[in-house]
Amino acid sequence: MSRPTVIPVMIGDRSINLTQVLKLAGLLQSGGEAKSFITEGLVRVNGDVELRKRRKMAVGDRVSIEGGPTLELTP
């Protein structure tokens, strides 16, 4: 059984929300696409389904899209 791919995403010390993280990482092309994935329950934050598009993210959070890689937010 293989381990999921974890991709570091540098956010520094800025304030960033979930939609912005998905766009910054290049997993989704637009904010609309990101919002759609979130609304459909296809995005997890720290292992839990996240339905809030504007959820504030922090260094250390892990974000994954169903069937895709896991992002880990880094400073």
PDB file of N, CA and C in Angstrom:
ATOM      1  N   MET A   1       0.840  -1.170   0.000  1.00  0.00           N
ATOM      2  CA  MET A   1       0.000   0.000   0.000  1.00  0.00           C
ATOM      3  C   MET A   1       0.894   1.244   0.000  1.00  0.00           C
ATOM      4  N   SER A   2       0.711   2.131  -0.966  1.00  0.00           N
ATOM      5  CA  SER A   2       1.577   3.304  -1.055  1.00  0.00           C
ATOM      6  C   SER A   2       1.048   4.453  -0.204  1.00  0.00           C
ATOM      7  N   ARG A   3       1.968   5.284   0.221  1.00  0.00           N
ATOM      8  CA  ARG A   3       1.607   6.452   1.018  1.00  0.00           C
ATOM      9  C   ARG A   3       1.163   7.562   0.076  1.00  0.00           C
ATOM     10  N   PRO A   4       0.212   8.394   0.526  1.00  0.00           N
ATOM     11  CA  PRO A   4      -0.230   9.491  -0.333  1.00  0.00           C
ATOM     12  C   PRO A   4       0.888  10.506  -0.538  1.00  0.00           C
ATOM     13  N   THR A   5       0.894  11.127  -1.704  1.00  0.00           N
ATOM     14  CA  THR A   5       1.869  12.160  -2.011  1.00  0.00           C
ATOM     15  C   THR A   5       1.558  13.403  -1.190  1.00  0.00           C
ATOM     16  N   VAL A   6       2.578  13.961  -0.517  1.00  0.00           N
ATOM     17  CA  VAL A   6       2.408  15.197   0.247  1.00  0.00           C
ATOM     18  C   VAL A   6       3.237  16.279  -0.422  1.00  0.00           C
ATOM     19  N   ILE A   7       2.572  17.372  -0.797  1.00  0.00           N
ATOM     20  CA  ILE A   7       3.226  18.483  -1.480  1.00  0.00           C
ATOM     21  C   ILE A   7       3.265  19.680  -0.544  1.00  0.00           C
ATOM     22  N   PRO A   8       4.461  20.199  -0.241  1.00  0.00           N
ATOM     23  CA  PRO A   8       4.530  21.396   0.604  1.00  0.00           C
ATOM     24  C   PRO A   8       4.083  22.636  -0.179  1.00  0.00           C
ATOM     25  N   VAL A   9       3.312  23.489   0.472  1.00  0.00           N
ATOM     26  CA  VAL A   9       2.858  24.748  -0.130  1.00  0.00           C
ATOM     27  C   VAL A   9       3.261  25.867   0.819  1.00  0.00           C
ATOM     28  N   MET A  10       4.154  26.726   0.344  1.00  0.00           N
ATOM     29  CA  MET A  10       4.646  27.822   1.181  1.00  0.00           C
ATOM     30  C   MET A  10       3.631  28.964   1.201  1.00  0.00           C
ATOM     31  N   ILE A  11       3.175  29.308   2.426  1.00  0.00           N
ATOM     32  CA  ILE A  11       2.245  30.419   2.567  1.00  0.00           C
ATOM     33  C   ILE A  11       2.859  31.564   3.368  1.00  0.00           C
ATOM     34  N   GLY A  12       4.043  31.353   3.928  1.00  0.00           N
ATOM     35  CA  GLY A  12       4.674  32.394   4.739  1.00  0.00           C
ATOM     36  C   GLY A  12       3.834  32.707   5.958  1.00  0.00           C
ATOM     37  N   ASP A  13       3.764  33.981   6.302  1.00  0.00           N
ATOM     38  CA  ASP A  13       2.988  34.373   7.481  1.00  0.00           C
ATOM     39  C   ASP A  13       1.717  35.124   7.100  1.00  0.00           C
ATOM     40  N   ARG A  14       1.345  35.051   5.831  1.00  0.00           N
ATOM     41  CA  ARG A  14       0.155  35.769   5.377  1.00  0.00           C
ATOM     42  C   ARG A  14      -1.129  35.016   5.725  1.00  0.00           C
ATOM     43  N   SER A  15      -2.214  35.747   5.758  1.00  0.00           N
ATOM     44  CA  SER A  15      -3.528  35.165   5.961  1.00  0.00           C
ATOM     45  C   SER A  15      -4.009  34.607   4.622  1.00  0.00           C
ATOM     46  N   ILE A  16      -4.500  33.382   4.629  1.00  0.00           N
ATOM     47  CA  ILE A  16      -4.923  32.741   3.388  1.00  0.00           C
ATOM     48  C   ILE A  16      -6.130  31.858   3.687  1.00  0.00           C
ATOM     49  N   ASN A  17      -7.052  31.764   2.734  1.00  0.00           N
ATOM     50  CA  ASN A  17      -8.214  30.909   2.945  1.00  0.00           C
ATOM     51  C   ASN A  17      -8.105  29.657   2.076  1.00  0.00           C
ATOM     52  N   LEU A  18      -9.022  28.738   2.291  1.00  0.00           N
ATOM     53  CA  LEU A  18      -8.965  27.433   1.623  1.00  0.00           C
ATOM     54  C   LEU A  18      -9.003  27.552   0.105  1.00  0.00           C
ATOM     55  N   THR A  19      -9.874  28.388  -0.423  1.00  0.00           N
ATOM     56  CA  THR A  19      -9.963  28.557  -1.875  1.00  0.00           C
ATOM     57  C   THR A  19      -8.630  29.024  -2.446  1.00  0.00           C
ATOM     58  N   GLN A  20      -7.986  29.972  -1.777  1.00  0.00           N
ATOM     59  CA  GLN A  20      -6.697  30.497  -2.232  1.00  0.00           C
ATOM     60  C   GLN A  20      -5.615  29.427  -2.194  1.00  0.00           C
ATOM     61  N   VAL A  21      -5.641  28.565  -1.188  1.00  0.00           N
ATOM     62  CA  VAL A  21      -4.653  27.480  -1.089  1.00  0.00           C
ATOM     63  C   VAL A  21      -4.756  26.552  -2.299  1.00  0.00           C
ATOM     64  N   LEU A  22      -5.978  26.193  -2.666  1.00  0.00           N
ATOM     65  CA  LEU A  22      -6.174  25.279  -3.791  1.00  0.00           C
ATOM     66  C   LEU A  22      -5.686  25.890  -5.100  1.00  0.00           C
ATOM     67  N   LYS A  23      -5.905  27.186  -5.267  1.00  0.00           N
ATOM     68  CA  LYS A  23      -5.425  27.874  -6.476  1.00  0.00           C
ATOM     69  C   LYS A  23      -3.906  28.028  -6.435  1.00  0.00           C
ATOM     70  N   LEU A  24      -3.356  28.438  -5.296  1.00  0.00           N
ATOM     71  CA  LEU A  24      -1.912  28.645  -5.150  1.00  0.00           C
ATOM     72  C   LEU A  24      -1.142  27.356  -5.467  1.00  0.00           C
ATOM     73  N   ALA A  25      -1.658  26.237  -5.017  1.00  0.00           N
ATOM     74  CA  ALA A  25      -0.991  24.951  -5.236  1.00  0.00           C
ATOM     75  C   ALA A  25      -1.130  24.463  -6.675  1.00  0.00           C
ATOM     76  N   GLY A  26      -2.030  25.081  -7.440  1.00  0.00           N
ATOM     77  CA  GLY A  26      -2.226  24.670  -8.821  1.00  0.00           C
ATOM     78  C   GLY A  26      -3.084  23.428  -8.988  1.00  0.00           C
ATOM     79  N   LEU A  27      -3.761  23.016  -7.923  1.00  0.00           N
ATOM     80  CA  LEU A  27      -4.624  21.838  -8.033  1.00  0.00           C
ATOM     81  C   LEU A  27      -5.887  22.154  -8.825  1.00  0.00           C
ATOM     82  N   LEU A  28      -6.370  23.379  -8.700  1.00  0.00           N
ATOM     83  CA  LEU A  28      -7.558  23.810  -9.410  1.00  0.00           C
ATOM     84  C   LEU A  28      -7.255  25.127 -10.100  1.00  0.00           C
ATOM     85  N   GLN A  29      -7.886  25.363 -11.238  1.00  0.00           N
ATOM     86  CA  GLN A  29      -7.537  26.506 -12.074  1.00  0.00           C
ATOM     87  C   GLN A  29      -8.163  27.828 -11.652  1.00  0.00           C
ATOM     88  N   SER A  30      -9.351  27.778 -11.041  1.00  0.00           N
ATOM     89  CA  SER A  30     -10.040  29.028 -10.727  1.00  0.00           C
ATOM     90  C   SER A  30     -10.697  28.960  -9.360  1.00  0.00           C
ATOM     91  N   GLY A  31     -11.075  30.135  -8.873  1.00  0.00           N
ATOM     92  CA  GLY A  31     -11.791  30.200  -7.608  1.00  0.00           C
ATOM     93  C   GLY A  31     -13.136  29.505  -7.701  1.00  0.00           C
ATOM     94  N   GLY A  32     -13.797  29.636  -8.850  1.00  0.00           N
ATOM     95  CA  GLY A  32     -15.084  28.977  -9.049  1.00  0.00           C
ATOM     96  C   GLY A  32     -14.970  27.467  -8.980  1.00  0.00           C
ATOM     97  N   GLU A  33     -13.922  26.946  -9.596  1.00  0.00           N
ATOM     98  CA  GLU A  33     -13.692  25.506  -9.564  1.00  0.00           C
ATOM     99  C   GLU A  33     -13.408  25.048  -8.129  1.00  0.00           C
ATOM    100  N   ALA A  34     -12.602  25.819  -7.406  1.00  0.00           N
ATOM    101  CA  ALA A  34     -12.284  25.491  -6.014  1.00  0.00           C
ATOM    102  C   ALA A  34     -13.551  25.496  -5.160  1.00  0.00           C
ATOM    103  N   LYS A  35     -14.375  26.517  -5.316  1.00  0.00           N
ATOM    104  CA  LYS A  35     -15.620  26.612  -4.542  1.00  0.00           C
ATOM    105  C   LYS A  35     -16.536  25.431  -4.838  1.00  0.00           C
ATOM    106  N   SER A  36     -16.596  25.015  -6.090  1.00  0.00           N
ATOM    107  CA  SER A  36     -17.430  23.878  -6.482  1.00  0.00           C
ATOM    108  C   SER A  36     -16.958  22.598  -5.798  1.00  0.00           C
ATOM    109  N   PHE A  37     -15.658  22.354  -5.812  1.00  0.00           N
ATOM    110  CA  PHE A  37     -15.103  21.155  -5.168  1.00  0.00           C
ATOM    111  C   PHE A  37     -15.408  21.173  -3.671  1.00  0.00           C
ATOM    112  N   ILE A  38     -15.272  22.333  -3.047  1.00  0.00           N
ATOM    113  CA  ILE A  38     -15.534  22.449  -1.602  1.00  0.00           C
ATOM    114  C   ILE A  38     -17.013  22.181  -1.317  1.00  0.00           C
ATOM    115  N   THR A  39     -17.902  22.810  -2.088  1.00  0.00           N
ATOM    116  CA  THR A  39     -19.345  22.652  -1.898  1.00  0.00           C
ATOM    117  C   THR A  39     -19.779  21.194  -2.056  1.00  0.00           C
ATOM    118  N   GLU A  40     -19.131  20.472  -2.965  1.00  0.00           N
ATOM    119  CA  GLU A  40     -19.480  19.068  -3.216  1.00  0.00           C
ATOM    120  C   GLU A  40     -18.889  18.115  -2.179  1.00  0.00           C
ATOM    121  N   GLY A  41     -18.140  18.650  -1.208  1.00  0.00           N
ATOM    122  CA  GLY A  41     -17.580  17.811  -0.157  1.00  0.00           C
ATOM    123  C   GLY A  41     -16.370  17.004  -0.581  1.00  0.00           C
ATOM    124  N   LEU A  42     -15.647  17.473  -1.605  1.00  0.00           N
ATOM    125  CA  LEU A  42     -14.493  16.748  -2.133  1.00  0.00           C
ATOM    126  C   LEU A  42     -13.166  17.198  -1.533  1.00  0.00           C
ATOM    127  N   VAL A  43     -13.211  18.163  -0.618  1.00  0.00           N
ATOM    128  CA  VAL A  43     -11.988  18.706  -0.025  1.00  0.00           C
ATOM    129  C   VAL A  43     -11.967  18.401   1.473  1.00  0.00           C
ATOM    130  N   ARG A  44     -10.814  17.941   1.929  1.00  0.00           N
ATOM    131  CA  ARG A  44     -10.627  17.662   3.363  1.00  0.00           C
ATOM    132  C   ARG A  44      -9.521  18.558   3.906  1.00  0.00           C
ATOM    133  N   VAL A  45      -9.723  19.016   5.120  1.00  0.00           N
ATOM    134  CA  VAL A  45      -8.696  19.771   5.836  1.00  0.00           C
ATOM    135  C   VAL A  45      -8.399  19.003   7.113  1.00  0.00           C
ATOM    136  N   ASN A  46      -7.150  18.623   7.274  1.00  0.00           N
ATOM    137  CA  ASN A  46      -6.715  17.845   8.439  1.00  0.00           C
ATOM    138  C   ASN A  46      -7.577  16.593   8.626  1.00  0.00           C
ATOM    139  N   GLY A  47      -7.961  15.971   7.500  1.00  0.00           N
ATOM    140  CA  GLY A  47      -8.701  14.717   7.531  1.00  0.00           C
ATOM    141  C   GLY A  47     -10.212  14.831   7.565  1.00  0.00           C
ATOM    142  N   ASP A  48     -10.744  16.033   7.773  1.00  0.00           N
ATOM    143  CA  ASP A  48     -12.190  16.219   7.861  1.00  0.00           C
ATOM    144  C   ASP A  48     -12.717  16.953   6.635  1.00  0.00           C
ATOM    145  N   VAL A  49     -13.890  16.541   6.155  1.00  0.00           N
ATOM    146  CA  VAL A  49     -14.521  17.241   5.034  1.00  0.00           C
ATOM    147  C   VAL A  49     -14.751  18.684   5.448  1.00  0.00           C
ATOM    148  N   GLU A  50     -14.372  19.602   4.574  1.00  0.00           N
ATOM    149  CA  GLU A  50     -14.512  21.041   4.858  1.00  0.00           C
ATOM    150  C   GLU A  50     -15.451  21.660   3.829  1.00  0.00           C
ATOM    151  N   LEU A  51     -16.495  22.313   4.298  1.00  0.00           N
ATOM    152  CA  LEU A  51     -17.484  22.933   3.416  1.00  0.00           C
ATOM    153  C   LEU A  51     -17.405  24.462   3.427  1.00  0.00           C
ATOM    154  N   ARG A  52     -16.509  25.028   4.236  1.00  0.00           N
ATOM    155  CA  ARG A  52     -16.364  26.488   4.307  1.00  0.00           C
ATOM    156  C   ARG A  52     -15.309  26.948   3.303  1.00  0.00           C
ATOM    157  N   LYS A  53     -15.733  27.711   2.313  1.00  0.00           N
ATOM    158  CA  LYS A  53     -14.824  28.181   1.264  1.00  0.00           C
ATOM    159  C   LYS A  53     -13.785  29.165   1.803  1.00  0.00           C
ATOM    160  N   ARG A  54     -14.172  29.961   2.758  1.00  0.00           N
ATOM    161  CA  ARG A  54     -13.303  31.009   3.302  1.00  0.00           C
ATOM    162  C   ARG A  54     -12.607  30.589   4.595  1.00  0.00           C
ATOM    163  N   ARG A  55     -12.561  29.298   4.858  1.00  0.00           N
ATOM    164  CA  ARG A  55     -11.894  28.839   6.076  1.00  0.00           C
ATOM    165  C   ARG A  55     -10.471  29.372   6.114  1.00  0.00           C
ATOM    166  N   LYS A  56     -10.090  29.982   7.223  1.00  0.00           N
ATOM    167  CA  LYS A  56      -8.731  30.491   7.403  1.00  0.00           C
ATOM    168  C   LYS A  56      -7.791  29.323   7.632  1.00  0.00           C
ATOM    169  N   MET A  57      -6.702  29.326   6.895  1.00  0.00           N
ATOM    170  CA  MET A  57      -5.735  28.249   6.966  1.00  0.00           C
ATOM    171  C   MET A  57      -4.504  28.701   7.739  1.00  0.00           C
ATOM    172  N   ALA A  58      -3.744  27.736   8.262  1.00  0.00           N
ATOM    173  CA  ALA A  58      -2.550  28.037   9.044  1.00  0.00           C
ATOM    174  C   ALA A  58      -1.431  27.063   8.674  1.00  0.00           C
ATOM    175  N   VAL A  59      -0.218  27.477   8.967  1.00  0.00           N
ATOM    176  CA  VAL A  59       0.937  26.608   8.750  1.00  0.00           C
ATOM    177  C   VAL A  59       0.696  25.294   9.492  1.00  0.00           C
ATOM    178  N   GLY A  60       0.981  24.182   8.822  1.00  0.00           N
ATOM    179  CA  GLY A  60       0.791  22.859   9.410  1.00  0.00           C
ATOM    180  C   GLY A  60      -0.497  22.189   8.985  1.00  0.00           C
ATOM    181  N   ASP A  61      -1.467  22.967   8.488  1.00  0.00           N
ATOM    182  CA  ASP A  61      -2.712  22.369   8.004  1.00  0.00           C
ATOM    183  C   ASP A  61      -2.415  21.499   6.792  1.00  0.00           C
ATOM    184  N   ARG A  62      -3.201  20.439   6.657  1.00  0.00           N
ATOM    185  CA  ARG A  62      -3.099  19.552   5.494  1.00  0.00           C
ATOM    186  C   ARG A  62      -4.419  19.586   4.741  1.00  0.00           C
ATOM    187  N   VAL A  63      -4.320  19.755   3.432  1.00  0.00           N
ATOM    188  CA  VAL A  63      -5.496  19.854   2.571  1.00  0.00           C
ATOM    189  C   VAL A  63      -5.398  18.776   1.506  1.00  0.00           C
ATOM    190  N   SER A  64      -6.504  18.085   1.256  1.00  0.00           N
ATOM    191  CA  SER A  64      -6.501  17.089   0.184  1.00  0.00           C
ATOM    192  C   SER A  64      -7.803  17.157  -0.599  1.00  0.00           C
ATOM    193  N   ILE A  65      -7.690  16.823  -1.868  1.00  0.00           N
ATOM    194  CA  ILE A  65      -8.851  16.694  -2.739  1.00  0.00           C
ATOM    195  C   ILE A  65      -9.019  15.219  -3.005  1.00  0.00           C
ATOM    196  N   GLU A  66     -10.262  14.756  -3.003  1.00  0.00           N
ATOM    197  CA  GLU A  66     -10.537  13.342  -3.229  1.00  0.00           C
ATOM    198  C   GLU A  66      -9.807  12.831  -4.471  1.00  0.00           C
ATOM    199  N   GLY A  67      -9.007  11.797  -4.288  1.00  0.00           N
ATOM    200  CA  GLY A  67      -8.273  11.200  -5.390  1.00  0.00           C
ATOM    201  C   GLY A  67      -7.004  11.936  -5.782  1.00  0.00           C
ATOM    202  N   GLY A  68      -6.665  12.995  -5.046  1.00  0.00           N
ATOM    203  CA  GLY A  68      -5.489  13.795  -5.388  1.00  0.00           C
ATOM    204  C   GLY A  68      -4.456  13.790  -4.278  1.00  0.00           C
ATOM    205  N   PRO A  69      -3.417  14.584  -4.457  1.00  0.00           N
ATOM    206  CA  PRO A  69      -2.359  14.646  -3.448  1.00  0.00           C
ATOM    207  C   PRO A  69      -2.807  15.414  -2.212  1.00  0.00           C
ATOM    208  N   THR A  70      -1.996  15.332  -1.179  1.00  0.00           N
ATOM    209  CA  THR A  70      -2.220  16.097   0.045  1.00  0.00           C
ATOM    210  C   THR A  70      -1.252  17.266   0.061  1.00  0.00           C
ATOM    211  N   LEU A  71      -1.767  18.435   0.407  1.00  0.00           N
ATOM    212  CA  LEU A  71      -0.942  19.642   0.525  1.00  0.00           C
ATOM    213  C   LEU A  71      -0.667  19.870   2.004  1.00  0.00           C
ATOM    214  N   GLU A  72       0.576  20.249   2.330  1.00  0.00           N
ATOM    215  CA  GLU A  72       0.899  20.637   3.697  1.00  0.00           C
ATOM    216  C   GLU A  72       1.388  22.060   3.670  1.00  0.00           C
ATOM    217  N   LEU A  73       0.724  22.935   4.428  1.00  0.00           N
ATOM    218  CA  LEU A  73       1.072  24.352   4.425  1.00  0.00           C
ATOM    219  C   LEU A  73       2.317  24.595   5.276  1.00  0.00           C
ATOM    220  N   THR A  74       3.280  25.293   4.683  1.00  0.00           N
ATOM    221  CA  THR A  74       4.560  25.562   5.335  1.00  0.00           C
ATOM    222  C   THR A  74       4.814  27.071   5.386  1.00  0.00           C
ATOM    223  N   PRO A  75       5.677  27.501   6.297  1.00  0.00           N
ATOM    224  CA  PRO A  75       5.975  28.947   6.393  1.00  0.00           C
ATOM    225  C   PRO A  75       6.783  29.458   5.220  1.00  0.00           C
TER     226      PRO A  75
END
